[in-house]
C-alpha cells in the first residue's frame, strides 16, 4: 500500500490515525500487546489503569530504603505546601483589610 493523497483520508503509508499511525500495524502497541494497549502502556495522563504490570519483588532492605526515600520526599513536599499555604493565607488577610 502506498502513500495516498491528502484528500484520500490517510496521511501516511499505513491505515489508521492516532499517535502510532506512522508505524506499520504489526509494530503498533495493539498488535504487540493486545487491543487497547496504547491506553495502559503509553498514556501517562490516565490516572488509573485496570492493567497493572507485574512488579518484581524487592529485598526487604531495598524496600526499606525505597520507602525511607519516599517518606523524605513527601515530607519535603508537605513543608513546601505548608509554606505556600501560609503565603496564601497572609495574602488573603491582606486583601481583607
Protein backbone atom coordinates (compact mmCIF):
# COMPACT_ATOMS: atom_id res chain seq x y z
CA UNK A 1 0.00 0.00 0.00
CA UNK A 2 1.49 3.35 -0.98
CA UNK A 3 1.07 6.94 0.07
CA UNK A 4 -2.33 8.39 -0.55
CA UNK A 5 -3.17 11.95 -1.44
CA UNK A 6 -4.28 14.43 1.21
CA UNK A 7 -7.90 14.06 0.20
CA UNK A 8 -7.80 10.27 0.41
CA UNK A 9 -8.20 10.00 4.20
CA UNK A 10 -4.81 8.62 5.19
CA UNK A 11 -1.74 10.79 5.55
CA UNK A 12 0.84 8.02 5.59
CA UNK A 13 1.69 4.66 4.13
CA UNK A 14 -0.34 2.76 6.76
CA UNK A 15 -4.06 2.85 7.50
CA UNK A 16 -5.40 4.41 10.66
CA UNK A 17 -4.98 7.57 12.67
CA UNK A 18 -3.52 8.41 16.02
CA UNK A 19 -0.14 8.52 17.68
CA UNK A 20 1.08 5.30 16.09
CA UNK A 21 -0.22 5.80 12.55
CA UNK A 22 3.35 6.22 11.29
CA UNK A 23 4.12 2.62 12.26
CA UNK A 24 3.06 -0.42 10.29
CA UNK A 25 0.23 -2.29 12.02
CA UNK A 26 2.46 -5.15 13.21
CA UNK A 27 4.69 -2.70 15.13
CA UNK A 28 1.89 -0.86 16.95
CA UNK A 29 1.25 -1.48 20.68
CA UNK A 30 -2.17 -3.00 20.00
CA UNK A 31 -0.66 -5.61 17.73
CA UNK A 32 2.21 -6.43 20.06
CA UNK A 33 0.49 -6.27 23.47
CA UNK A 34 -3.20 -6.63 22.71
CA UNK A 35 -6.10 -4.39 21.87
CA UNK A 36 -6.12 -1.13 23.81
CA UNK A 37 -2.50 -1.47 24.91
CA UNK A 38 -1.65 2.09 23.96
CA UNK A 39 -4.05 3.33 26.68
CA UNK A 40 -2.45 1.50 29.56
CA UNK A 41 1.14 1.38 28.29
CA UNK A 42 1.76 4.80 26.87
CA UNK A 43 -0.78 7.26 28.27
CA UNK A 44 0.65 8.70 31.49
CA UNK A 45 -2.17 11.22 31.78
CA UNK A 46 -4.61 8.45 32.70
CA UNK A 47 -4.61 8.13 36.48
CA UNK A 48 -5.95 4.60 36.76
CA UNK A 49 -5.26 1.55 34.70
CA UNK A 50 -7.03 -1.75 35.26
CA UNK A 51 -4.00 -3.45 33.77
CA UNK A 52 -1.05 -3.48 36.10
CA UNK A 53 2.41 -4.55 35.15
CA UNK A 54 3.99 -7.12 37.44
CA UNK A 55 6.39 -5.52 39.88
CA UNK A 56 9.45 -7.54 40.81
CA UNK A 57 9.72 -8.38 44.48
CA UNK A 58 12.23 -6.26 46.37
CA UNK A 59 14.58 -7.39 49.06
CA UNK A 60 13.47 -6.14 52.49
CA UNK A 61 16.47 -3.81 52.82
CA UNK A 62 15.86 -2.34 49.34
CA UNK A 63 12.18 -1.85 50.10
CA UNK A 64 13.03 -0.20 53.41
CA UNK A 65 15.46 2.18 51.68
CA UNK A 66 12.92 2.99 48.98
CA UNK A 67 10.17 3.71 51.50
CA UNK A 68 12.52 5.88 53.57
CA UNK A 69 13.40 7.93 50.48
CA UNK A 70 9.74 8.28 49.54
CA UNK A 71 8.90 9.40 53.06
CA UNK A 72 11.64 12.05 52.99
CA UNK A 73 10.42 13.35 49.63
CA UNK A 74 6.83 13.51 50.83
CA UNK A 75 7.87 15.36 53.98
CA UNK A 76 9.73 17.92 51.86
CA UNK A 77 6.66 18.37 49.70
CA UNK A 78 4.48 18.81 52.77
CA UNK A 79 6.79 21.53 54.10
CA UNK A 80 6.76 23.33 50.77
CA UNK A 81 2.97 23.14 50.58
CA UNK A 82 2.63 24.43 54.14
CA UNK A 83 4.80 27.43 53.23
CA UNK A 84 2.67 28.12 50.17
CA UNK A 85 -0.47 27.82 52.28
CA UNK A 86 0.93 30.33 54.80
CA UNK A 87 1.68 32.80 51.98
CA UNK A 88 -1.82 32.37 50.58
CA UNK A 89 -3.40 32.91 53.98
CA UNK A 90 -1.26 36.01 54.56
CA UNK A 91 -2.28 37.41 51.18
CA UNK A 92 -5.95 36.70 51.91
CA UNK A 93 -5.64 38.58 55.20
CA UNK A 94 -4.01 41.45 53.32
CA UNK A 95 -6.86 41.59 50.85
CA UNK A 96 -9.50 41.54 53.60
CA UNK A 97 -8.08 44.74 55.11
